[in-house]
Amino acid sequence: MTPQYVEGDIVIFSPARDVKNGSDCFARMWPDDETTFKRVFFESGPAGEELIRLQPLNPAYPARVLPREGVVGLFAAVSVMRAI
């Protein structure tokens, strides 16, 4: 079962947790230090280069595929707190 997130949720990320294919992650890109919360997939390009696909949880938005060196931080979501 995939976690569902709603507006107002507090998501806790861990720099110590291994990021696996399909993990929900906080990602930081280089060179502009842009950050985002996406589902992460590790892929290979046509020449065998390492790529990272940042897949939005909202299907209305397109995925973003970046070279591995374009992503300087990946932090896995480990917990979600929801206000009652």
PDB file of N, CA and C in Angstrom:
ATOM      1  N   MET A   1       0.835  -1.175   0.000  1.00  0.00           N
ATOM      2  CA  MET A   1       0.000   0.000   0.000  1.00  0.00           C
ATOM      3  C   MET A   1       0.881   1.241   0.000  1.00  0.00           C
ATOM      4  N   THR A   2       0.639   2.134  -0.928  1.00  0.00           N
ATOM      5  CA  THR A   2       1.421   3.351  -1.060  1.00  0.00           C
ATOM      6  C   THR A   2       0.890   4.407  -0.101  1.00  0.00           C
ATOM      7  N   PRO A   3       1.784   5.121   0.579  1.00  0.00           N
ATOM      8  CA  PRO A   3       1.299   6.166   1.485  1.00  0.00           C
ATOM      9  C   PRO A   3       0.552   7.249   0.705  1.00  0.00           C
ATOM     10  N   GLN A   4      -0.462   7.783   1.334  1.00  0.00           N
ATOM     11  CA  GLN A   4      -1.201   8.909   0.774  1.00  0.00           C
ATOM     12  C   GLN A   4      -0.863  10.130   1.626  1.00  0.00           C
ATOM     13  N   TYR A   5      -0.614  11.241   0.972  1.00  0.00           N
ATOM     14  CA  TYR A   5      -0.286  12.469   1.679  1.00  0.00           C
ATOM     15  C   TYR A   5      -1.386  13.481   1.394  1.00  0.00           C
ATOM     16  N   VAL A   6      -1.724  14.267   2.407  1.00  0.00           N
ATOM     17  CA  VAL A   6      -2.707  15.325   2.230  1.00  0.00           C
ATOM     18  C   VAL A   6      -2.098  16.632   2.718  1.00  0.00           C
ATOM     19  N   GLU A   7      -2.665  17.720   2.230  1.00  0.00           N
ATOM     20  CA  GLU A   7      -2.174  19.032   2.631  1.00  0.00           C
ATOM     21  C   GLU A   7      -2.208  19.143   4.152  1.00  0.00           C
ATOM     22  N   GLY A   8      -1.124  19.646   4.705  1.00  0.00           N
ATOM     23  CA  GLY A   8      -1.010  19.786   6.154  1.00  0.00           C
ATOM     24  C   GLY A   8      -0.242  18.668   6.825  1.00  0.00           C
ATOM     25  N   ASP A   9      -0.002  17.558   6.113  1.00  0.00           N
ATOM     26  CA  ASP A   9       0.808  16.482   6.675  1.00  0.00           C
ATOM     27  C   ASP A   9       2.214  16.980   6.960  1.00  0.00           C
ATOM     28  N   ILE A  10       2.814  16.442   8.004  1.00  0.00           N
ATOM     29  CA  ILE A  10       4.223  16.696   8.298  1.00  0.00           C
ATOM     30  C   ILE A  10       4.962  15.407   7.975  1.00  0.00           C
ATOM     31  N   VAL A  11       5.886  15.492   7.020  1.00  0.00           N
ATOM     32  CA  VAL A  11       6.641  14.324   6.576  1.00  0.00           C
ATOM     33  C   VAL A  11       8.051  14.429   7.141  1.00  0.00           C
ATOM     34  N   ILE A  12       8.505  13.345   7.765  1.00  0.00           N
ATOM     35  CA  ILE A  12       9.850  13.287   8.344  1.00  0.00           C
ATOM     36  C   ILE A  12      10.744  12.529   7.370  1.00  0.00           C
ATOM     37  N   PHE A  13      11.914  13.101   7.079  1.00  0.00           N
ATOM     38  CA  PHE A  13      12.879  12.507   6.162  1.00  0.00           C
ATOM     39  C   PHE A  13      14.139  12.145   6.928  1.00  0.00           C
ATOM     40  N   SER A  14      14.832  11.098   6.470  1.00  0.00           N
ATOM     41  CA  SER A  14      16.058  10.666   7.134  1.00  0.00           C
ATOM     42  C   SER A  14      17.220  10.599   6.153  1.00  0.00           C
ATOM     43  N   PRO A  15      18.327  11.284   6.475  1.00  0.00           N
ATOM     44  CA  PRO A  15      19.514  11.152   5.635  1.00  0.00           C
ATOM     45  C   PRO A  15      20.204   9.801   5.826  1.00  0.00           C
ATOM     46  N   ALA A  16      19.844   9.076   6.892  1.00  0.00           N
ATOM     47  CA  ALA A  16      20.474   7.779   7.179  1.00  0.00           C
ATOM     48  C   ALA A  16      19.761   6.611   6.502  1.00  0.00           C
ATOM     49  N   ARG A  17      18.528   6.783   6.105  1.00  0.00           N
ATOM     50  CA  ARG A  17      17.740   5.699   5.496  1.00  0.00           C
ATOM     51  C   ARG A  17      18.165   5.507   4.048  1.00  0.00           C
ATOM     52  N   ASP A  18      18.347   4.253   3.637  1.00  0.00           N
ATOM     53  CA  ASP A  18      18.674   3.955   2.246  1.00  0.00           C
ATOM     54  C   ASP A  18      17.499   4.340   1.351  1.00  0.00           C
ATOM     55  N   VAL A  19      17.818   4.954   0.226  1.00  0.00           N
ATOM     56  CA  VAL A  19      16.792   5.309  -0.759  1.00  0.00           C
ATOM     57  C   VAL A  19      16.708   4.167  -1.759  1.00  0.00           C
ATOM     58  N   LYS A  20      15.535   3.572  -1.853  1.00  0.00           N
ATOM     59  CA  LYS A  20      15.315   2.455  -2.768  1.00  0.00           C
ATOM     60  C   LYS A  20      14.462   2.914  -3.937  1.00  0.00           C
ATOM     61  N   ASN A  21      14.504   2.162  -5.005  1.00  0.00           N
ATOM     62  CA  ASN A  21      13.683   2.438  -6.174  1.00  0.00           C
ATOM     63  C   ASN A  21      12.221   2.512  -5.744  1.00  0.00           C
ATOM     64  N   GLY A  22      11.550   3.603  -6.063  1.00  0.00           N
ATOM     65  CA  GLY A  22      10.151   3.771  -5.687  1.00  0.00           C
ATOM     66  C   GLY A  22       9.938   4.457  -4.349  1.00  0.00           C
ATOM     67  N   SER A  23      11.019   4.876  -3.679  1.00  0.00           N
ATOM     68  CA  SER A  23      10.897   5.573  -2.395  1.00  0.00           C
ATOM     69  C   SER A  23      10.346   6.981  -2.591  1.00  0.00           C
ATOM     70  N   ASP A  24       9.568   7.437  -1.609  1.00  0.00           N
ATOM     71  CA  ASP A  24       9.150   8.838  -1.575  1.00  0.00           C
ATOM     72  C   ASP A  24      10.286   9.606  -0.915  1.00  0.00           C
ATOM     73  N   CYS A  25      10.767  10.664  -1.592  1.00  0.00           N
ATOM     74  CA  CYS A  25      11.967  11.355  -1.130  1.00  0.00           C
ATOM     75  C   CYS A  25      11.866  12.861  -1.251  1.00  0.00           C
ATOM     76  N   PHE A  26      12.611  13.508  -0.393  1.00  0.00           N
ATOM     77  CA  PHE A  26      12.926  14.913  -0.536  1.00  0.00           C
ATOM     78  C   PHE A  26      14.189  14.929  -1.391  1.00  0.00           C
ATOM     79  N   ALA A  27      14.153  15.644  -2.507  1.00  0.00           N
ATOM     80  CA  ALA A  27      15.305  15.678  -3.421  1.00  0.00           C
ATOM     81  C   ALA A  27      15.810  17.105  -3.560  1.00  0.00           C
ATOM     82  N   ARG A  28      17.139  17.238  -3.607  1.00  0.00           N
ATOM     83  CA  ARG A  28      17.766  18.541  -3.842  1.00  0.00           C
ATOM     84  C   ARG A  28      18.580  18.439  -5.121  1.00  0.00           C
ATOM     85  N   MET A  29      18.320  19.373  -6.051  1.00  0.00           N
ATOM     86  CA  MET A  29      18.984  19.353  -7.350  1.00  0.00           C
ATOM     87  C   MET A  29      20.134  20.354  -7.405  1.00  0.00           C
ATOM     88  N   TRP A  30      21.037  20.077  -8.317  1.00  0.00           N
ATOM     89  CA  TRP A  30      22.183  20.944  -8.561  1.00  0.00           C
ATOM     90  C   TRP A  30      22.072  21.444  -9.986  1.00  0.00           C
ATOM     91  N   PRO A  31      22.420  22.653 -10.320  1.00  0.00           N
ATOM     92  CA  PRO A  31      23.201  23.621  -9.553  1.00  0.00           C
ATOM     93  C   PRO A  31      22.375  24.665  -8.812  1.00  0.00           C
ATOM     94  N   ASP A  32      21.051  24.641  -8.949  1.00  0.00           N
ATOM     95  CA  ASP A  32      20.241  25.740  -8.404  1.00  0.00           C
ATOM     96  C   ASP A  32      19.692  25.494  -7.002  1.00  0.00           C
ATOM     97  N   ASP A  33      19.998  24.357  -6.390  1.00  0.00           N
ATOM     98  CA  ASP A  33      19.519  23.997  -5.049  1.00  0.00           C
ATOM     99  C   ASP A  33      17.995  23.941  -4.959  1.00  0.00           C
ATOM    100  N   GLU A  34      17.322  23.697  -6.084  1.00  0.00           N
ATOM    101  CA  GLU A  34      15.878  23.499  -6.070  1.00  0.00           C
ATOM    102  C   GLU A  34      15.578  22.237  -5.272  1.00  0.00           C
ATOM    103  N   THR A  35      14.466  22.239  -4.532  1.00  0.00           N
ATOM    104  CA  THR A  35      14.075  21.062  -3.762  1.00  0.00           C
ATOM    105  C   THR A  35      12.654  20.654  -4.139  1.00  0.00           C
ATOM    106  N   THR A  36      12.356  19.366  -3.929  1.00  0.00           N
ATOM    107  CA  THR A  36      11.043  18.848  -4.265  1.00  0.00           C
ATOM    108  C   THR A  36      10.777  17.560  -3.491  1.00  0.00           C
ATOM    109  N   PHE A  37       9.524  17.173  -3.406  1.00  0.00           N
ATOM    110  CA  PHE A  37       9.116  15.929  -2.764  1.00  0.00           C
ATOM    111  C   PHE A  37       8.497  15.054  -3.854  1.00  0.00           C
ATOM    112  N   LYS A  38       9.179  13.964  -4.197  1.00  0.00           N
ATOM    113  CA  LYS A  38       8.748  13.119  -5.306  1.00  0.00           C
ATOM    114  C   LYS A  38       9.021  11.648  -4.997  1.00  0.00           C
ATOM    115  N   ARG A  39       8.457  10.771  -5.808  1.00  0.00           N
ATOM    116  CA  ARG A  39       8.790   9.346  -5.781  1.00  0.00           C
ATOM    117  C   ARG A  39       9.983   9.171  -6.711  1.00  0.00           C
ATOM    118  N   VAL A  40      11.000   8.444  -6.267  1.00  0.00           N
ATOM    119  CA  VAL A  40      12.271   8.362  -6.977  1.00  0.00           C
ATOM    120  C   VAL A  40      12.457   6.989  -7.618  1.00  0.00           C
ATOM    121  N   PHE A  41      12.903   7.015  -8.884  1.00  0.00           N
ATOM    122  CA  PHE A  41      13.211   5.779  -9.607  1.00  0.00           C
ATOM    123  C   PHE A  41      14.596   5.908 -10.230  1.00  0.00           C
ATOM    124  N   PHE A  42      15.398   4.878 -10.096  1.00  0.00           N
ATOM    125  CA  PHE A  42      16.747   4.856 -10.659  1.00  0.00           C
ATOM    126  C   PHE A  42      16.691   4.130 -11.995  1.00  0.00           C
ATOM    127  N   GLU A  43      17.186   4.789 -13.043  1.00  0.00           N
ATOM    128  CA  GLU A  43      17.097   4.253 -14.394  1.00  0.00           C
ATOM    129  C   GLU A  43      18.431   4.393 -15.102  1.00  0.00           C
ATOM    130  N   SER A  44      18.526   3.773 -16.275  1.00  0.00           N
ATOM    131  CA  SER A  44      19.719   3.900 -17.121  1.00  0.00           C
ATOM    132  C   SER A  44      19.322   4.544 -18.432  1.00  0.00           C
ATOM    133  N   GLY A  45      20.183   5.430 -18.920  1.00  0.00           N
ATOM    134  CA  GLY A  45      19.960   6.069 -20.210  1.00  0.00           C
ATOM    135  C   GLY A  45      20.435   5.180 -21.341  1.00  0.00           C
ATOM    136  N   PRO A  46      20.280   5.636 -22.591  1.00  0.00           N
ATOM    137  CA  PRO A  46      20.653   4.821 -23.748  1.00  0.00           C
ATOM    138  C   PRO A  46      22.147   4.479 -23.805  1.00  0.00           C
ATOM    139  N   ALA A  47      22.989   5.325 -23.236  1.00  0.00           N
ATOM    140  CA  ALA A  47      24.430   5.064 -23.231  1.00  0.00           C
ATOM    141  C   ALA A  47      24.881   4.430 -21.913  1.00  0.00           C
ATOM    142  N   GLY A  48      23.908   3.983 -21.094  1.00  0.00           N
ATOM    143  CA  GLY A  48      24.249   3.352 -19.814  1.00  0.00           C
ATOM    144  C   GLY A  48      24.455   4.330 -18.681  1.00  0.00           C
ATOM    145  N   GLU A  49      24.220   5.612 -18.916  1.00  0.00           N
ATOM    146  CA  GLU A  49      24.406   6.616 -17.868  1.00  0.00           C
ATOM    147  C   GLU A  49      23.316   6.477 -16.797  1.00  0.00           C
ATOM    148  N   GLU A  50      23.682   6.836 -15.565  1.00  0.00           N
ATOM    149  CA  GLU A  50      22.728   6.767 -14.461  1.00  0.00           C
ATOM    150  C   GLU A  50      21.787   7.961 -14.519  1.00  0.00           C
ATOM    151  N   LEU A  51      20.489   7.667 -14.439  1.00  0.00           N
ATOM    152  CA  LEU A  51      19.463   8.707 -14.438  1.00  0.00           C
ATOM    153  C   LEU A  51      18.583   8.531 -13.209  1.00  0.00           C
ATOM    154  N   ILE A  52      18.004   9.630 -12.775  1.00  0.00           N
ATOM    155  CA  ILE A  52      17.037   9.599 -11.684  1.00  0.00           C
ATOM    156  C   ILE A  52      15.747  10.216 -12.205  1.00  0.00           C
ATOM    157  N   ARG A  53      14.669   9.431 -12.092  1.00  0.00           N
ATOM    158  CA  ARG A  53      13.348   9.957 -12.481  1.00  0.00           C
ATOM    159  C   ARG A  53      12.623  10.382 -11.219  1.00  0.00           C
ATOM    160  N   LEU A  54      12.257  11.660 -11.169  1.00  0.00           N
ATOM    161  CA  LEU A  54      11.493  12.216 -10.061  1.00  0.00           C
ATOM    162  C   LEU A  54      10.036  12.237 -10.498  1.00  0.00           C
ATOM    163  N   GLN A  55       9.264  11.311  -9.966  1.00  0.00           N
ATOM    164  CA  GLN A  55       7.875  11.122 -10.379  1.00  0.00           C
ATOM    165  C   GLN A  55       6.943  11.813  -9.387  1.00  0.00           C
ATOM    166  N   PRO A  56       6.186  12.808  -9.840  1.00  0.00           N
ATOM    167  CA  PRO A  56       5.226  13.445  -8.924  1.00  0.00           C
ATOM    168  C   PRO A  56       4.188  12.444  -8.426  1.00  0.00           C
ATOM    169  N   LEU A  57       3.707  12.650  -7.232  1.00  0.00           N
ATOM    170  CA  LEU A  57       2.659  11.804  -6.694  1.00  0.00           C
ATOM    171  C   LEU A  57       1.315  12.148  -7.336  1.00  0.00           C
ATOM    172  N   ASN A  58       1.199  13.354  -7.863  1.00  0.00           N
ATOM    173  CA  ASN A  58      -0.008  13.790  -8.567  1.00  0.00           C
ATOM    174  C   ASN A  58       0.159  13.449 -10.040  1.00  0.00           C
ATOM    175  N   PRO A  59      -0.661  12.551 -10.593  1.00  0.00           N
ATOM    176  CA  PRO A  59      -0.497  12.133 -11.988  1.00  0.00           C
ATOM    177  C   PRO A  59      -0.762  13.234 -13.009  1.00  0.00           C
ATOM    178  N   ALA A  60      -1.262  14.376 -12.579  1.00  0.00           N
ATOM    179  CA  ALA A  60      -1.507  15.484 -13.501  1.00  0.00           C
ATOM    180  C   ALA A  60      -0.207  16.173 -13.917  1.00  0.00           C
ATOM    181  N   TYR A  61       0.893  15.872 -13.235  1.00  0.00           N
ATOM    182  CA  TYR A  61       2.180  16.510 -13.528  1.00  0.00           C
ATOM    183  C   TYR A  61       3.153  15.514 -14.136  1.00  0.00           C
ATOM    184  N   PRO A  62       4.014  15.982 -15.043  1.00  0.00           N
ATOM    185  CA  PRO A  62       4.972  15.067 -15.682  1.00  0.00           C
ATOM    186  C   PRO A  62       6.167  14.755 -14.782  1.00  0.00           C
ATOM    187  N   ALA A  63       6.791  13.628 -15.062  1.00  0.00           N
ATOM    188  CA  ALA A  63       8.024  13.250 -14.358  1.00  0.00           C
ATOM    189  C   ALA A  63       9.169  14.118 -14.861  1.00  0.00           C
ATOM    190  N   ARG A  64      10.203  14.192 -14.057  1.00  0.00           N
ATOM    191  CA  ARG A  64      11.428  14.908 -14.434  1.00  0.00           C
ATOM    192  C   ARG A  64      12.561  13.902 -14.353  1.00  0.00           C
ATOM    193  N   VAL A  65      13.329  13.769 -15.446  1.00  0.00           N
ATOM    194  CA  VAL A  65      14.452  12.831 -15.478  1.00  0.00           C
ATOM    195  C   VAL A  65      15.734  13.640 -15.520  1.00  0.00           C
ATOM    196  N   LEU A  66      16.633  13.331 -14.585  1.00  0.00           N
ATOM    197  CA  LEU A  66      17.891  14.076 -14.452  1.00  0.00           C
ATOM    198  C   LEU A  66      19.067  13.112 -14.432  1.00  0.00           C
ATOM    199  N   PRO A  67      20.235  13.585 -14.892  1.00  0.00           N
ATOM    200  CA  PRO A  67      21.438  12.761 -14.705  1.00  0.00           C
ATOM    201  C   PRO A  67      21.734  12.645 -13.211  1.00  0.00           C
ATOM    202  N   ARG A  68      22.358  11.556 -12.811  1.00  0.00           N
ATOM    203  CA  ARG A  68      22.645  11.309 -11.388  1.00  0.00           C
ATOM    204  C   ARG A  68      23.351  12.494 -10.735  1.00  0.00           C
ATOM    205  N   GLU A  69      24.283  13.110 -11.433  1.00  0.00           N
ATOM    206  CA  GLU A  69      25.026  14.229 -10.846  1.00  0.00           C
ATOM    207  C   GLU A  69      24.169  15.483 -10.687  1.00  0.00           C
ATOM    208  N   GLY A  70      22.989  15.510 -11.272  1.00  0.00           N
ATOM    209  CA  GLY A  70      22.076  16.643 -11.130  1.00  0.00           C
ATOM    210  C   GLY A  70      21.248  16.585  -9.858  1.00  0.00           C
ATOM    211  N   VAL A  71      21.351  15.469  -9.117  1.00  0.00           N
ATOM    212  CA  VAL A  71      20.632  15.315  -7.852  1.00  0.00           C
ATOM    213  C   VAL A  71      21.681  15.149  -6.761  1.00  0.00           C
ATOM    214  N   VAL A  72      21.802  16.165  -5.897  1.00  0.00           N
ATOM    215  CA  VAL A  72      22.865  16.136  -4.891  1.00  0.00           C
ATOM    216  C   VAL A  72      22.393  15.682  -3.517  1.00  0.00           C
ATOM    217  N   GLY A  73      21.102  15.490  -3.366  1.00  0.00           N
ATOM    218  CA  GLY A  73      20.597  14.996  -2.094  1.00  0.00           C
ATOM    219  C   GLY A  73      19.291  14.253  -2.282  1.00  0.00           C
ATOM    220  N   LEU A  74      19.215  13.061  -1.705  1.00  0.00           N
ATOM    221  CA  LEU A  74      17.981  12.279  -1.673  1.00  0.00           C
ATOM    222  C   LEU A  74      17.782  11.800  -0.243  1.00  0.00           C
ATOM    223  N   PHE A  75      16.647  12.141   0.336  1.00  0.00           N
ATOM    224  CA  PHE A  75      16.365  11.807   1.716  1.00  0.00           C
ATOM    225  C   PHE A  75      15.010  11.110   1.769  1.00  0.00           C
ATOM    226  N   ALA A  76      14.996   9.869   2.201  1.00  0.00           N
ATOM    227  CA  ALA A  76      13.792   9.048   2.193  1.00  0.00           C
ATOM    228  C   ALA A  76      12.794   9.500   3.253  1.00  0.00           C
ATOM    229  N   ALA A  77      11.515   9.472   2.891  1.00  0.00           N
ATOM    230  CA  ALA A  77      10.439   9.725   3.851  1.00  0.00           C
ATOM    231  C   ALA A  77      10.349   8.523   4.783  1.00  0.00           C
ATOM    232  N   VAL A  78      10.331   8.780   6.086  1.00  0.00           N
ATOM    233  CA  VAL A  78      10.293   7.679   7.050  1.00  0.00           C
ATOM    234  C   VAL A  78       9.058   7.708   7.938  1.00  0.00           C
ATOM    235  N   SER A  79       8.371   8.842   7.990  1.00  0.00           N
ATOM    236  CA  SER A  79       7.205   8.958   8.861  1.00  0.00           C
ATOM    237  C   SER A  79       6.325  10.107   8.395  1.00  0.00           C
ATOM    238  N   VAL A  80       5.020   9.968   8.647  1.00  0.00           N
ATOM    239  CA  VAL A  80       4.064  11.021   8.305  1.00  0.00           C
ATOM    240  C   VAL A  80       3.200  11.287   9.527  1.00  0.00           C
ATOM    241  N   MET A  81       3.080  12.559   9.888  1.00  0.00           N
ATOM    242  CA  MET A  81       2.194  12.946  10.990  1.00  0.00           C
ATOM    243  C   MET A  81       1.053  13.773  10.395  1.00  0.00           C
ATOM    244  N   ARG A  82      -0.156  13.444  10.813  1.00  0.00           N
ATOM    245  CA  ARG A  82      -1.335  14.118  10.296  1.00  0.00           C
ATOM    246  C   ARG A  82      -2.097  14.735  11.458  1.00  0.00           C
ATOM    247  N   ALA A  83      -2.487  16.003  11.274  1.00  0.00           N
ATOM    248  CA  ALA A  83      -3.296  16.668  12.300  1.00  0.00           C
ATOM    249  C   ALA A  83      -4.681  16.030  12.344  1.00  0.00           C
ATOM    250  N   ILE A  84      -5.230  15.966  13.521  1.00  0.00           N
ATOM    251  CA  ILE A  84      -6.570  15.376  13.670  1.00  0.00           C
ATOM    252  C   ILE A  84      -7.620  16.463  13.630  1.00  0.00           C
TER     253      ILE A  84
END
